[in-house]
C-alpha atoms as a PDB file:
ATOM      1  CA  UNK A   1      62.700  59.387  98.992  1.00  0.00           C
ATOM      2  CA  UNK A   2      64.924  62.366  97.885  1.00  0.00           C
ATOM      3  CA  UNK A   3      62.151  64.767  98.315  1.00  0.00           C
ATOM      4  CA  UNK A   4      63.855  67.699  95.765  1.00  0.00           C
ATOM      5  CA  UNK A   5      64.358  64.779  93.215  1.00  0.00           C
ATOM      6  CA  UNK A   6      60.412  64.178  93.469  1.00  0.00           C
ATOM      7  CA  UNK A   7      59.230  67.249  93.654  1.00  0.00           C
ATOM      8  CA  UNK A   8      61.590  67.985  89.998  1.00  0.00           C
ATOM      9  CA  UNK A   9      59.838  64.203  88.640  1.00  0.00           C
ATOM     10  CA  UNK A  10      56.409  65.515  90.128  1.00  0.00           C
ATOM     11  CA  UNK A  11      56.789  68.957  87.556  1.00  0.00           C
ATOM     12  CA  UNK A  12      58.071  67.003  84.764  1.00  0.00           C
ATOM     13  CA  UNK A  13      55.179  64.920  84.622  1.00  0.00           C
ATOM     14  CA  UNK A  14      52.617  67.866  85.162  1.00  0.00           C
ATOM     15  CA  UNK A  15      54.852  69.064  82.445  1.00  0.00           C
ATOM     16  CA  UNK A  16      54.800  66.114  80.148  1.00  0.00           C
ATOM     17  CA  UNK A  17      50.909  66.297  80.417  1.00  0.00           C
ATOM     18  CA  UNK A  18      50.674  69.904  79.340  1.00  0.00           C
ATOM     19  CA  UNK A  19      49.992  71.787  82.507  1.00  0.00           C
ATOM     20  CA  UNK A  20      52.652  74.017  82.163  1.00  0.00           C
ATOM     21  CA  UNK A  21      51.922  75.368  78.529  1.00  0.00           C
ATOM     22  CA  UNK A  22      51.727  78.886  78.134  1.00  0.00           C
ATOM     23  CA  UNK A  23      51.964  80.837  81.885  1.00  0.00           C
ATOM     24  CA  UNK A  24      50.418  79.325  84.997  1.00  0.00           C
ATOM     25  CA  UNK A  25      49.792  82.111  87.464  1.00  0.00           C
ATOM     26  CA  UNK A  26      50.681  81.700  91.398  1.00  0.00           C
ATOM     27  CA  UNK A  27      46.958  82.312  91.824  1.00  0.00           C
ATOM     28  CA  UNK A  28      45.741  79.565  89.839  1.00  0.00           C
ATOM     29  CA  UNK A  29      47.728  77.075  91.622  1.00  0.00           C
ATOM     30  CA  UNK A  30      46.992  78.389  95.190  1.00  0.00           C
ATOM     31  CA  UNK A  31      43.152  77.555  94.084  1.00  0.00           C
ATOM     32  CA  UNK A  32      43.931  74.517  92.551  1.00  0.00           C
ATOM     33  CA  UNK A  33      45.733  73.521  96.490  1.00  0.00           C
ATOM     34  CA  UNK A  34      42.434  74.622  97.897  1.00  0.00           C
ATOM     35  CA  UNK A  35      40.124  72.642  96.077  1.00  0.00           C
ATOM     36  CA  UNK A  36      42.224  69.768  96.874  1.00  0.00           C
ATOM     37  CA  UNK A  37      41.997  70.468 100.695  1.00  0.00           C
ATOM     38  CA  UNK A  38      38.325  71.031 100.018  1.00  0.00           C
ATOM     39  CA  UNK A  39      37.894  67.300  98.089  1.00  0.00           C
ATOM     40  CA  UNK A  40      39.586  65.476 101.390  1.00  0.00           C
ATOM     41  CA  UNK A  41      36.795  67.258 103.088  1.00  0.00           C
ATOM     42  CA  UNK A  42      34.208  65.849 101.037  1.00  0.00           C
ATOM     43  CA  UNK A  43      35.527  62.247 101.234  1.00  0.00           C
ATOM     44  CA  UNK A  44      35.583  62.574 105.073  1.00  0.00           C
ATOM     45  CA  UNK A  45      31.643  64.206 104.815  1.00  0.00           C
ATOM     46  CA  UNK A  46      30.944  60.809 102.913  1.00  0.00           C
ATOM     47  CA  UNK A  47      31.977  58.407 104.882  1.00  0.00           C
ATOM     48  CA  UNK A  48      34.829  57.371 102.792  1.00  0.00           C
ATOM     49  CA  UNK A  49      37.742  55.980 104.394  1.00  0.00           C
ATOM     50  CA  UNK A  50      41.148  57.393 104.347  1.00  0.00           C
ATOM     51  CA  UNK A  51      42.764  54.711 101.147  1.00  0.00           C
ATOM     52  CA  UNK A  52      40.243  52.953  98.785  1.00  0.00           C
ATOM     53  CA  UNK A  53      40.019  51.979  95.125  1.00  0.00           C
ATOM     54  CA  UNK A  54      37.100  51.729  93.018  1.00  0.00           C
ATOM     55  CA  UNK A  55      36.175  47.998  92.578  1.00  0.00           C
ATOM     56  CA  UNK A  56      35.761  47.328  88.938  1.00  0.00           C
ATOM     57  CA  UNK A  57      33.769  44.028  88.997  1.00  0.00           C
ATOM     58  CA  UNK A  58      31.982  43.145  92.169  1.00  0.00           C
ATOM     59  CA  UNK A  59      30.223  40.173  90.915  1.00  0.00           C
ATOM     60  CA  UNK A  60      33.691  38.431  90.812  1.00  0.00           C
ATOM     61  CA  UNK A  61      35.266  40.220  93.516  1.00  0.00           C
ATOM     62  CA  UNK A  62      35.249  37.514  96.423  1.00  0.00           C
ATOM     63  CA  UNK A  63      37.896  39.226  98.323  1.00  0.00           C
ATOM     64  CA  UNK A  64      36.716  40.444 102.214  1.00  0.00           C
ATOM     65  CA  UNK A  65      36.090  44.076 102.237  1.00  0.00           C
ATOM     66  CA  UNK A  66      36.370  44.472  98.484  1.00  0.00           C
ATOM     67  CA  UNK A  67      33.392  45.249  96.808  1.00  0.00           C
ATOM     68  CA  UNK A  68      31.508  47.258  99.112  1.00  0.00           C
ATOM     69  CA  UNK A  69      29.713  50.242  97.642  1.00  0.00           C
ATOM     70  CA  UNK A  70      32.250  49.270  95.096  1.00  0.00           C
ATOM     71  CA  UNK A  71      34.852  50.544  97.614  1.00  0.00           C
ATOM     72  CA  UNK A  72      38.006  48.511  98.188  1.00  0.00           C
ATOM     73  CA  UNK A  73      40.045  48.794 101.424  1.00  0.00           C
ATOM     74  CA  UNK A  74      42.050  46.044 101.221  1.00  0.00           C
ATOM     75  CA  UNK A  75      45.984  46.389 101.869  1.00  0.00           C
ATOM     76  CA  UNK A  76      47.269  43.616  99.230  1.00  0.00           C
ATOM     77  CA  UNK A  77      46.830  43.672  95.386  1.00  0.00           C
ATOM     78  CA  UNK A  78      43.241  42.808  94.202  1.00  0.00           C
ATOM     79  CA  UNK A  79      43.003  41.645  90.489  1.00  0.00           C
ATOM     80  CA  UNK A  80      39.485  43.240  90.155  1.00  0.00           C
ATOM     81  CA  UNK A  81      40.506  47.043  91.748  1.00  0.00           C
ATOM     82  CA  UNK A  82      41.115  50.200  89.507  1.00  0.00           C
ATOM     83  CA  UNK A  83      44.806  51.669  89.550  1.00  0.00           C
ATOM     84  CA  UNK A  84      43.106  54.947  91.012  1.00  0.00           C
ATOM     85  CA  UNK A  85      43.934  55.306  94.714  1.00  0.00           C
ATOM     86  CA  UNK A  86      41.067  57.483  96.049  1.00  0.00           C
ATOM     87  CA  UNK A  87      40.656  58.683  99.825  1.00  0.00           C
ATOM     88  CA  UNK A  88      41.085  61.103 102.325  1.00  0.00           C
ATOM     89  CA  UNK A  89      44.836  60.560 102.514  1.00  0.00           C
ATOM     90  CA  UNK A  90      44.996  60.880  98.464  1.00  0.00           C
ATOM     91  CA  UNK A  91      43.057  64.014  98.442  1.00  0.00           C
ATOM     92  CA  UNK A  92      45.685  65.306 101.317  1.00  0.00           C
ATOM     93  CA  UNK A  93      48.341  63.992  99.083  1.00  0.00           C
ATOM     94  CA  UNK A  94      47.263  65.452  96.028  1.00  0.00           C
ATOM     95  CA  UNK A  95      47.318  69.246  97.632  1.00  0.00           C
ATOM     96  CA  UNK A  96      50.828  68.124  98.606  1.00  0.00           C
ATOM     97  CA  UNK A  97      51.723  67.316  94.739  1.00  0.00           C
ATOM     98  CA  UNK A  98      50.359  70.396  93.541  1.00  0.00           C
ATOM     99  CA  UNK A  99      52.632  72.314  96.002  1.00  0.00           C
ATOM    100  CA  UNK A 100      55.636  70.148  94.933  1.00  0.00           C
ATOM    101  CA  UNK A 101      54.924  70.599  91.541  1.00  0.00           C
ATOM    102  CA  UNK A 102      55.028  74.243  91.944  1.00  0.00           C
ATOM    103  CA  UNK A 103      58.034  74.400  93.530  1.00  0.00           C
ATOM    104  CA  UNK A 104      59.626  71.872  91.122  1.00  0.00           C
ATOM    105  CA  UNK A 105      58.676  74.724  88.293  1.00  0.00           C
ATOM    106  CA  UNK A 106      60.790  77.002  90.384  1.00  0.00           C
ATOM    107  CA  UNK A 107      63.451  74.651  91.005  1.00  0.00           C
ATOM    108  CA  UNK A 108      63.412  74.803  94.687  1.00  0.00           C
ATOM    109  CA  UNK A 109      65.882  73.319  97.153  1.00  0.00           C
ATOM    110  CA  UNK A 110      64.384  75.417  99.932  1.00  0.00           C
ATOM    111  CA  UNK A 111      65.017  73.342 103.100  1.00  0.00           C
ATOM    112  CA  UNK A 112      68.037  71.071 104.211  1.00  0.00           C
ATOM    113  CA  UNK A 113      65.191  68.348 104.189  1.00  0.00           C
ATOM    114  CA  UNK A 114      65.807  65.436 102.011  1.00  0.00           C
ATOM    115  CA  UNK A 115      63.083  62.667 103.346  1.00  0.00           C
ATOM    116  CA  UNK A 116      59.538  62.726 103.790  1.00  0.00           C
ATOM    117  CA  UNK A 117      60.575  61.337 107.524  1.00  0.00           C
ATOM    118  CA  UNK A 118      62.202  64.552 107.838  1.00  0.00           C
ATOM    119  CA  UNK A 119      59.744  66.205 106.540  1.00  0.00           C
ATOM    120  CA  UNK A 120      57.098  64.701 109.275  1.00  0.00           C
ATOM    121  CA  UNK A 121      59.797  65.677 111.892  1.00  0.00           C
ATOM    122  CA  UNK A 122      59.789  69.221 111.755  1.00  0.00           C
ATOM    123  CA  UNK A 123      56.067  69.598 111.269  1.00  0.00           C
ATOM    124  CA  UNK A 124      54.576  71.929 113.621  1.00  0.00           C
ATOM    125  CA  UNK A 125      53.844  69.972 116.924  1.00  0.00           C
ATOM    126  CA  UNK A 126      50.431  69.179 117.200  1.00  0.00           C
ATOM    127  CA  UNK A 127      48.476  66.096 118.516  1.00  0.00           C
ATOM    128  CA  UNK A 128      48.480  64.597 114.806  1.00  0.00           C
ATOM    129  CA  UNK A 129      46.911  61.058 115.761  1.00  0.00           C
ATOM    130  CA  UNK A 130      43.811  62.917 118.047  1.00  0.00           C
ATOM    131  CA  UNK A 131      43.131  65.542 116.023  1.00  0.00           C
ATOM    132  CA  UNK A 132      40.168  65.516 113.495  1.00  0.00           C
ATOM    133  CA  UNK A 133      39.736  66.409 109.913  1.00  0.00           C
ATOM    134  CA  UNK A 134      37.798  69.479 109.845  1.00  0.00           C
ATOM    135  CA  UNK A 135      40.428  71.282 111.735  1.00  0.00           C
ATOM    136  CA  UNK A 136      42.989  70.112 109.921  1.00  0.00           C
ATOM    137  CA  UNK A 137      41.552  71.361 106.565  1.00  0.00           C
ATOM    138  CA  UNK A 138      40.997  74.568 108.264  1.00  0.00           C
ATOM    139  CA  UNK A 139      44.359  74.846 109.540  1.00  0.00           C
ATOM    140  CA  UNK A 140      45.803  73.708 105.784  1.00  0.00           C
ATOM    141  CA  UNK A 141      43.890  76.301 104.117  1.00  0.00           C
ATOM    142  CA  UNK A 142      45.045  79.046 106.318  1.00  0.00           C
ATOM    143  CA  UNK A 143      48.708  78.168 105.676  1.00  0.00           C
ATOM    144  CA  UNK A 144      48.283  78.393 102.008  1.00  0.00           C
ATOM    145  CA  UNK A 145      46.229  81.803 102.026  1.00  0.00           C
ATOM    146  CA  UNK A 146      48.823  83.029 104.623  1.00  0.00           C
ATOM    147  CA  UNK A 147      51.469  81.648 101.764  1.00  0.00           C
ATOM    148  CA  UNK A 148      49.490  83.388  99.052  1.00  0.00           C
ATOM    149  CA  UNK A 149      49.090  87.039 101.028  1.00  0.00           C
ATOM    150  CA  UNK A 150      53.004  86.747 101.626  1.00  0.00           C
ATOM    151  CA  UNK A 151      53.559  86.076  97.690  1.00  0.00           C
ATOM    152  CA  UNK A 152      51.372  89.071  96.915  1.00  0.00           C
ATOM    153  CA  UNK A 153      52.850  91.321  99.539  1.00  0.00           C
ATOM    154  CA  UNK A 154      56.546  90.072  98.812  1.00  0.00           C
ATOM    155  CA  UNK A 155      56.548  89.827  94.788  1.00  0.00           C
ATOM    156  CA  UNK A 156      59.541  92.368  94.697  1.00  0.00           C
ATOM    157  CA  UNK A 157      60.968  90.826  97.715  1.00  0.00           C
ATOM    158  CA  UNK A 158      62.849  87.688  97.416  1.00  0.00           C
ATOM    159  CA  UNK A 159      63.149  87.013 101.173  1.00  0.00           C
ATOM    160  CA  UNK A 160      59.297  87.269 101.379  1.00  0.00           C
ATOM    161  CA  UNK A 161      59.275  85.054  98.428  1.00  0.00           C
ATOM    162  CA  UNK A 162      61.332  82.571 100.200  1.00  0.00           C
ATOM    163  CA  UNK A 163      58.788  82.821 103.125  1.00  0.00           C
ATOM    164  CA  UNK A 164      56.020  81.690 101.650  1.00  0.00           C
ATOM    165  CA  UNK A 165      57.350  78.779  99.514  1.00  0.00           C
ATOM    166  CA  UNK A 166      58.800  77.809 103.270  1.00  0.00           C
ATOM    167  CA  UNK A 167      55.081  78.027 105.014  1.00  0.00           C
ATOM    168  CA  UNK A 168      53.761  76.372 101.809  1.00  0.00           C
ATOM    169  CA  UNK A 169      56.251  73.240 102.419  1.00  0.00           C
ATOM    170  CA  UNK A 170      55.479  73.245 105.803  1.00  0.00           C
ATOM    171  CA  UNK A 171      52.196  72.546 104.981  1.00  0.00           C
ATOM    172  CA  UNK A 172      53.128  69.282 103.144  1.00  0.00           C
ATOM    173  CA  UNK A 173      54.450  68.483 106.470  1.00  0.00           C
ATOM    174  CA  UNK A 174      51.336  68.992 108.461  1.00  0.00           C
ATOM    175  CA  UNK A 175      49.560  66.894 105.781  1.00  0.00           C
ATOM    176  CA  UNK A 176      52.024  64.480 106.041  1.00  0.00           C
ATOM    177  CA  UNK A 177      52.168  64.001 109.384  1.00  0.00           C
ATOM    178  CA  UNK A 178      48.493  63.617 109.976  1.00  0.00           C
ATOM    179  CA  UNK A 179      48.308  60.996 107.716  1.00  0.00           C
ATOM    180  CA  UNK A 180      50.810  59.246 109.402  1.00  0.00           C
ATOM    181  CA  UNK A 181      49.149  59.809 112.729  1.00  0.00           C
ATOM    182  CA  UNK A 182      45.929  57.898 111.161  1.00  0.00           C
ATOM    183  CA  UNK A 183      48.446  54.941 110.755  1.00  0.00           C
ATOM    184  CA  UNK A 184      49.262  55.409 107.004  1.00  0.00           C
ATOM    185  CA  UNK A 185      52.260  55.589 104.954  1.00  0.00           C
ATOM    186  CA  UNK A 186      52.415  59.106 103.500  1.00  0.00           C
ATOM    187  CA  UNK A 187      55.412  58.324 101.178  1.00  0.00           C
ATOM    188  CA  UNK A 188      53.844  55.440  99.864  1.00  0.00           C
ATOM    189  CA  UNK A 189      50.187  57.018  98.843  1.00  0.00           C
ATOM    190  CA  UNK A 190      52.687  59.822  97.596  1.00  0.00           C
ATOM    191  CA  UNK A 191      54.253  57.176  95.376  1.00  0.00           C
ATOM    192  CA  UNK A 192      51.335  55.773  94.254  1.00  0.00           C
ATOM    193  CA  UNK A 193      49.253  58.409  93.121  1.00  0.00           C
ATOM    194  CA  UNK A 194      52.380  60.093  91.406  1.00  0.00           C
ATOM    195  CA  UNK A 195      52.421  56.840  89.451  1.00  0.00           C
ATOM    196  CA  UNK A 196      48.954  56.618  88.636  1.00  0.00           C
ATOM    197  CA  UNK A 197      49.327  60.290  87.243  1.00  0.00           C
ATOM    198  CA  UNK A 198      52.008  59.349  84.704  1.00  0.00           C
ATOM    199  CA  UNK A 199      49.258  57.052  83.367  1.00  0.00           C
ATOM    200  CA  UNK A 200      46.527  59.807  82.905  1.00  0.00           C
ATOM    201  CA  UNK A 201      45.835  61.335  79.566  1.00  0.00           C
ATOM    202  CA  UNK A 202      46.909  64.464  78.432  1.00  0.00           C
ATOM    203  CA  UNK A 203      45.279  67.627  80.684  1.00  0.00           C
ATOM    204  CA  UNK A 204      43.431  64.619  82.208  1.00  0.00           C
ATOM    205  CA  UNK A 205      41.355  64.373  79.032  1.00  0.00           C
ATOM    206  CA  UNK A 206      40.251  68.440  78.777  1.00  0.00           C
ATOM    207  CA  UNK A 207      40.431  70.163  82.228  1.00  0.00           C
ATOM    208  CA  UNK A 208      40.814  73.678  81.638  1.00  0.00           C
ATOM    209  CA  UNK A 209      43.316  74.189  84.561  1.00  0.00           C
END
C-alpha cells in the first residue's frame, strides 16, 4: 500500500460522500478522531473481539463460530454475514482513517514513510503485544490532544503545524503497531473498512458531521 495515495483515496471518498462540503474545521476533525478512539474502548468494555461481522441470518449460519450473539469471527468469507467490519481493531482503524482523510485534504506528504510496514517500524518503542487497550487509548487521546494544542498555538507558524501533523501521523503508527501486536493485519483491516466506506450512503444517511 502506498500510504500517500491511500490517504488521497480516503479523502476523495470523503468528498464524494459530502463530508467536505463547506468548511470543516480542525476542531471538528480532532473531535471525530477522539470519538473513534472512545468507540474502540466501548467495544473492549462490551467484551467484543478485535474484528467481527454482524451475522445476518443466524438460523441459516451453521459455520463454527458464526452467529453467536450475532457476532461472526470467522477468518474466511461467510455467505451469511454482513459486509461492515466491526470490533476494537476496526474502531482504531477508523481513527486512523480520520487522520489520513485530514492529511489528504491538506495534500501532505510529511514523511518519507511509504508503507504501513514502514509506519509500524517507525512507531515509538512500546511493548505492543502486551500493553492492554485502556492505556493504549489514553495514549492515543493524549497524542491527538497534543497535536490539537500545537495546531492552535502554531496557527501562524508553518513549522509548528508540520510538527502537529507529524504527531498525528505518529498516532496512526501507534494504533497500527498495537493492532499488529495483537496478531491482526492493520493494512488489511484498513483496506476492508475503506472499501466498505465506499458503499455507504451520502453522509452515512444524514449524519451532521
